[in-house]
Structures are given as structure tokens and as C-alpha cells.
Amino acid sequence: MTLNPLEYTSIANGTIHLGSTKSSGSEKTEDENKETKKETKNTNEDSYTDVDFSDSIDSAIDSLKQTQESIMSAIKSFLSTSVSSVSSLSSTTASGSSSIAPVSGDFANKLNQKFKGALAGKGDIIVGAAQKYGLDPALLAAIMALETGWGTSSAVNNKNNPGGLMDPASNWMKLKSYSSIEEGIDAMAKNLKTGYIDKGLTTISQIGNKYCPVGAANDPNGTNSGWIPSVTSIYNQLKA
């Protein structure tokens, strides 16, 4: 074996490191290992499958659009119905005569057989007014019958006032006038509800002491004393 001067000097000094010199066999093995790793990597990379999600995404977007259109259509339909209902309610309230929903039935027919004049055939309106304000139809009709003489009084026929309601503008000395009999019926029912029933005056006696008090200034003839027994009698007849 021929040594170059550097190698000779190292051997002489005992410091040569043969491990720093690689053989051609080792180099070949490392190259093969690298090639094997490269092939393995390529194989792993080839094992992944490319997936095209574009169709799924487009389908999902179309589905969302259809859902949005359905929701918007439902909202528009709801708003349209609400506006129509509000308009109908406003029209009904403004007309007065249509503010009471007529209610037909046996009791309405009974009233039609008894009432005359301006109240003739208004049994369904009277019952409808009672239901609108949560009143006993027989109570409302009994008071109305006494106040109007079953629909024959001047107040109901000339002023459309079926409840004997007084005009506050006259310091409660004159009867109030209404534009229609339906408006008058509604006003009477509302007054009975808010001024009496809602204040705890629920019996004919309690209502009479306020509605038609004995000794009132607008009752110079003292007829108010007969109000409670007369309304009670009519009420019992209607309930029979």
C-alpha cells in the first residue's frame, strides 16, 4: 500500500482516522437508499386522489338560494296579509256601522221578534256588540229595551241613541246623538263595559245605582226609581 505524505505522518503520530474515507460500496448503498426513499415518496404522493368539490359547492349554493327565496316569499306573504288586515280593521273602525260583527242565532232571533222601530231586525247587531265587549247579551238588551220602550222612543228613532246616554257637552242634561243606530249600539255597549263592568259593577242593582240614580238632576219626574226592578224583569224574560 502506497501512502501519501499526509497519511504517513498521521500513522506515525497515531492519529489517522480511517472512518473519514468512504468506499465506493458505501456510496452506492446510500444512493440506493435515496432512490428507494424517492420511489416511496412518489408512491405515497400518487396514492392521494384529487377530488373536485366544485359540483357539490354549486349544488349547496343553489340550495341556499332556493331556501332564501322561499323565506323571502313567506315574509312578503305575511306582510301583505298583515297590511290587508290592518287596512280592513281601520276601515271597519272608521265606518262605525261595521265595527260590530253581527252574530246570528236563537237569541238574536228572539230580540228581532221583540224590538221595533230603529231597533227592528237589529238583534244580530245587539248580540255582536255584546260579544265584542264581553257582555251578557241579555243584560245589554234588557237595558236597551227599557231605555227605548223596545225601540219606540224618540231618542232611539231620532238620535240613534238606544241607551239613553247623555251628552257631556250639555253637562249631562241632553241626549247624545249618533250618526247611525249601529254606532249608537256600539257606544252603549262600550259605555256599559268600561264605565260599569270594568269597575266592578256587575249586578243590575249596582249598575242601576250609577246608570240611573234616584234623585238625579236630569230626572225631574223621579222615574229612575223604577229602573232596577224593570231591567231585572226584562232580563229574566229574555233569559227564560
Protein backbone atom coordinates (compact mmCIF):
# COMPACT_ATOMS: atom_id res chain seq x y z
CA MET A 1 0.00 0.00 0.00
CA THR A 2 1.36 3.38 -1.00
CA LEU A 3 0.83 6.26 1.47
CA ASN A 4 0.96 9.90 0.69
CA PRO A 5 2.97 12.12 3.00
CA LEU A 6 -0.13 13.31 4.96
CA GLU A 7 -1.29 9.78 5.64
CA TYR A 8 2.26 8.69 6.62
CA THR A 9 2.60 11.49 9.09
CA SER A 10 -0.78 10.63 10.65
CA ILE A 11 0.12 7.00 11.05
CA ALA A 12 3.43 7.92 12.59
CA ASN A 13 1.69 10.14 15.08
CA GLY A 14 -1.04 7.52 15.70
CA THR A 15 -3.80 9.92 14.83
CA ILE A 16 -5.13 8.66 11.49
CA HIS A 17 -8.90 8.31 11.19
CA LEU A 18 -9.81 5.82 8.52
CA GLY A 19 -13.51 6.45 9.02
CA SER A 20 -13.23 9.76 7.11
CA THR A 21 -12.51 7.86 3.94
CA LYS A 22 -15.61 6.30 2.28
CA SER A 23 -15.53 3.37 -0.04
CA SER A 24 -17.33 3.21 -3.36
CA GLY A 25 -19.53 0.43 -1.95
CA SER A 26 -20.87 2.66 0.82
CA GLU A 27 -21.59 5.44 -1.64
CA LYS A 28 -23.58 3.03 -3.77
CA THR A 29 -25.64 1.87 -0.83
CA GLU A 30 -26.56 5.41 0.15
CA ASP A 31 -27.51 6.22 -3.44
CA GLU A 32 -29.74 3.16 -3.50
CA ASN A 33 -31.35 4.17 -0.21
CA LYS A 34 -32.02 7.64 -1.56
CA GLU A 35 -33.54 6.18 -4.69
CA THR A 36 -35.73 3.85 -2.63
CA LYS A 37 -36.96 6.72 -0.45
CA LYS A 38 -37.67 8.79 -3.55
CA GLU A 39 -39.72 5.98 -5.07
CA THR A 40 -41.61 5.50 -1.77
CA LYS A 41 -42.36 9.22 -1.65
CA ASN A 42 -43.58 9.21 -5.23
CA THR A 43 -45.74 6.18 -4.46
CA ASN A 44 -47.28 7.93 -1.43
CA GLU A 45 -47.91 11.05 -3.42
CA ASP A 46 -49.58 9.02 -6.15
CA SER A 47 -51.86 7.40 -3.52
CA TYR A 48 -53.76 10.70 -2.96
CA THR A 49 -56.83 11.13 -5.15
CA ASP A 50 -57.73 14.54 -6.44
CA VAL A 51 -61.38 15.36 -5.55
CA ASP A 52 -63.35 18.01 -7.44
CA PHE A 53 -65.70 19.71 -4.92
CA SER A 54 -66.96 22.34 -7.37
CA ASP A 55 -70.19 20.45 -8.19
CA SER A 56 -71.02 19.94 -4.50
CA ILE A 57 -70.36 23.61 -3.72
CA ASP A 58 -72.51 24.78 -6.64
CA SER A 59 -75.31 22.47 -5.51
CA ALA A 60 -75.12 23.78 -1.96
CA ILE A 61 -75.22 27.39 -3.18
CA ASP A 62 -78.27 26.67 -5.34
CA SER A 63 -79.99 25.05 -2.36
CA LEU A 64 -79.27 28.08 -0.17
CA LYS A 65 -80.61 30.41 -2.86
CA GLN A 66 -83.84 28.41 -3.09
CA THR A 67 -84.20 28.46 0.70
CA GLN A 68 -83.63 32.22 0.77
CA GLU A 69 -86.21 32.76 -1.96
CA SER A 70 -88.74 30.63 -0.04
CA ILE A 71 -88.14 32.61 3.16
CA MET A 72 -88.47 35.94 1.37
CA SER A 73 -91.67 34.77 -0.30
CA ALA A 74 -93.11 33.75 3.07
CA ILE A 75 -92.17 37.11 4.62
CA LYS A 76 -93.76 39.03 1.74
CA SER A 77 -96.93 36.95 2.06
CA PHE A 78 -97.07 37.57 5.83
CA LEU A 79 -96.54 41.31 5.43
CA SER A 80 -99.16 41.50 2.70
CA THR A 81 -101.70 39.70 4.90
CA SER A 82 -100.86 41.93 7.90
CA VAL A 83 -101.27 45.13 5.87
CA SER A 84 -104.57 43.85 4.49
CA SER A 85 -105.81 43.04 8.00
CA VAL A 86 -104.79 46.45 9.34
CA SER A 87 -106.48 48.19 6.42
CA SER A 88 -109.62 46.16 6.96
CA LEU A 89 -109.60 46.96 10.67
CA SER A 90 -109.10 50.67 10.01
CA SER A 91 -111.95 50.67 7.52
CA THR A 92 -114.19 48.82 9.95
CA THR A 93 -113.43 51.19 12.82
CA ALA A 94 -113.91 54.27 10.69
CA SER A 95 -117.26 53.16 9.31
CA GLY A 96 -118.85 52.76 12.73
CA SER A 97 -121.68 50.66 11.36
CA SER A 98 -119.28 47.82 10.60
CA SER A 99 -117.41 47.98 13.92
CA ILE A 100 -119.73 45.28 15.29
CA ALA A 101 -119.65 41.80 13.82
CA PRO A 102 -123.30 40.65 13.56
CA VAL A 103 -123.97 37.38 15.39
CA SER A 104 -126.97 35.34 14.34
CA GLY A 105 -128.63 32.71 16.48
CA ASP A 106 -131.71 31.92 18.55
CA PHE A 107 -131.18 34.83 20.95
CA ALA A 108 -130.73 37.31 18.09
CA ASN A 109 -133.98 35.99 16.57
CA LYS A 110 -135.75 36.43 19.91
CA LEU A 111 -134.66 40.08 20.00
CA ASN A 112 -135.85 40.59 16.42
CA GLN A 113 -139.31 39.45 17.50
CA LYS A 114 -139.45 41.96 20.35
CA PHE A 115 -137.68 45.15 19.20
CA LYS A 116 -139.44 47.66 16.97
CA GLY A 117 -138.68 50.98 15.30
CA ALA A 118 -134.99 51.74 14.80
CA LEU A 119 -134.04 48.51 16.58
CA ALA A 120 -136.24 46.26 14.45
CA GLY A 121 -134.17 43.46 12.94
CA LYS A 122 -131.04 44.56 14.85
CA GLY A 123 -130.86 41.50 17.07
CA ASP A 124 -127.67 40.27 15.41
CA ILE A 125 -126.05 43.70 15.88
CA ILE A 126 -127.02 43.81 19.57
CA VAL A 127 -125.61 40.32 20.19
CA GLY A 128 -122.48 41.18 18.18
CA ALA A 129 -121.91 44.32 20.29
CA ALA A 130 -122.28 42.30 23.49
CA GLN A 131 -119.71 39.76 22.30
CA LYS A 132 -117.34 42.49 21.13
CA TYR A 133 -117.14 43.94 24.64
CA GLY A 134 -117.54 40.70 26.59
CA LEU A 135 -121.04 41.48 27.88
CA ASP A 136 -124.06 39.34 28.63
CA PRO A 137 -126.32 39.93 25.56
CA ALA A 138 -129.43 39.65 27.73
CA LEU A 139 -128.17 42.41 30.07
CA LEU A 140 -127.37 44.76 27.19
CA ALA A 141 -130.72 44.06 25.51
CA ALA A 142 -132.68 44.46 28.77
CA ILE A 143 -131.23 47.92 29.45
CA MET A 144 -131.79 48.88 25.81
CA ALA A 145 -135.39 47.66 25.93
CA LEU A 146 -136.21 49.77 29.00
CA GLU A 147 -134.40 52.88 27.74
CA THR A 148 -136.15 52.82 24.35
CA GLY A 149 -139.52 51.19 25.04
CA TRP A 150 -138.41 48.24 22.89
CA GLY A 151 -137.20 50.57 20.13
CA THR A 152 -140.12 53.02 20.01
CA SER A 153 -138.66 56.05 21.85
CA SER A 154 -137.82 59.38 20.24
CA ALA A 155 -134.22 59.10 21.45
CA VAL A 156 -133.51 55.92 19.50
CA ASN A 157 -135.50 56.86 16.39
CA ASN A 158 -134.35 60.47 16.08
CA LYS A 159 -130.92 60.41 17.70
CA ASN A 160 -129.87 56.74 17.22
CA ASN A 161 -129.36 56.62 20.98
CA PRO A 162 -130.54 53.22 22.33
CA GLY A 163 -129.00 53.58 25.77
CA GLY A 164 -130.32 56.92 26.97
CA LEU A 165 -126.73 58.21 27.05
CA MET A 166 -126.38 61.89 27.92
CA ASP A 167 -124.13 64.36 26.10
CA PRO A 168 -121.23 65.54 28.31
CA ALA A 169 -121.09 68.76 26.27
CA SER A 170 -124.51 69.64 27.68
CA ASN A 171 -123.40 68.97 31.26
CA TRP A 172 -125.25 65.65 31.02
CA MET A 173 -128.62 67.37 30.53
CA LYS A 174 -129.32 66.44 26.89
CA LEU A 175 -129.29 63.17 25.00
CA LYS A 176 -126.33 62.46 22.76
CA SER A 177 -126.89 61.92 19.01
CA TYR A 178 -125.16 59.27 16.85
CA SER A 179 -124.79 59.07 13.08
CA SER A 180 -126.29 55.57 12.85
CA ILE A 181 -128.12 53.07 15.03
CA GLU A 182 -125.13 50.73 14.78
CA GLU A 183 -122.85 53.47 16.14
CA GLY A 184 -125.32 54.10 18.95
CA ILE A 185 -125.45 50.41 19.89
CA ASP A 186 -121.66 50.21 19.89
CA ALA A 187 -121.39 53.34 22.08
CA MET A 188 -123.88 51.95 24.59
CA ALA A 189 -122.11 48.57 24.82
CA LYS A 190 -118.72 50.24 25.22
CA ASN A 191 -120.06 52.54 27.96
CA LEU A 192 -121.55 49.59 29.86
CA LYS A 193 -118.25 47.70 29.62
CA THR A 194 -115.77 50.47 30.51
CA GLY A 195 -117.92 52.52 32.87
CA TYR A 196 -119.53 49.72 34.84
CA ILE A 197 -118.38 46.11 34.34
CA ASP A 198 -114.66 47.01 34.32
CA LYS A 199 -115.20 48.99 37.55
CA GLY A 200 -116.70 46.04 39.38
CA LEU A 201 -120.36 47.00 38.93
CA THR A 202 -121.64 43.69 37.61
CA THR A 203 -125.18 43.29 39.01
CA ILE A 204 -128.28 45.08 37.73
CA SER A 205 -128.64 46.75 41.12
CA GLN A 206 -125.06 48.04 41.12
CA ILE A 207 -125.32 49.22 37.52
CA GLY A 208 -128.68 50.93 38.12
CA ASN A 209 -127.46 52.97 41.08
CA LYS A 210 -124.92 54.64 38.79
CA TYR A 211 -126.61 54.38 35.39
CA CYS A 212 -129.91 55.74 36.52
CA PRO A 213 -129.55 57.08 40.09
CA VAL A 214 -132.62 58.06 42.04
CA GLY A 215 -132.81 61.83 42.58
CA ALA A 216 -130.57 62.70 39.60
CA ALA A 217 -130.85 66.28 38.31
CA ASN A 218 -131.83 65.07 34.84
CA ASP A 219 -134.74 63.02 36.26
CA PRO A 220 -137.22 65.65 37.43
CA ASN A 221 -140.15 63.19 37.44
CA GLY A 222 -138.37 60.62 39.60
CA THR A 223 -138.78 57.76 37.17
CA ASN A 224 -135.30 56.44 37.89
CA SER A 225 -136.61 54.57 40.91
CA GLY A 226 -138.24 52.02 38.64
CA TRP A 227 -135.10 51.34 36.59
CA ILE A 228 -133.63 48.45 38.62
CA PRO A 229 -136.84 46.38 39.02
CA SER A 230 -137.86 46.97 35.38
CA VAL A 231 -134.49 45.95 33.91
CA THR A 232 -134.44 42.92 36.21
CA SER A 233 -137.87 41.81 34.99
CA ILE A 234 -136.95 42.22 31.30
CA TYR A 235 -133.65 40.42 31.84
CA ASN A 236 -135.37 37.43 33.41
CA GLN A 237 -137.83 37.28 30.50
CA LEU A 238 -135.02 37.27 27.95
CA LYS A 239 -133.08 34.58 29.82
CA ALA A 240 -136.13 32.32 30.15
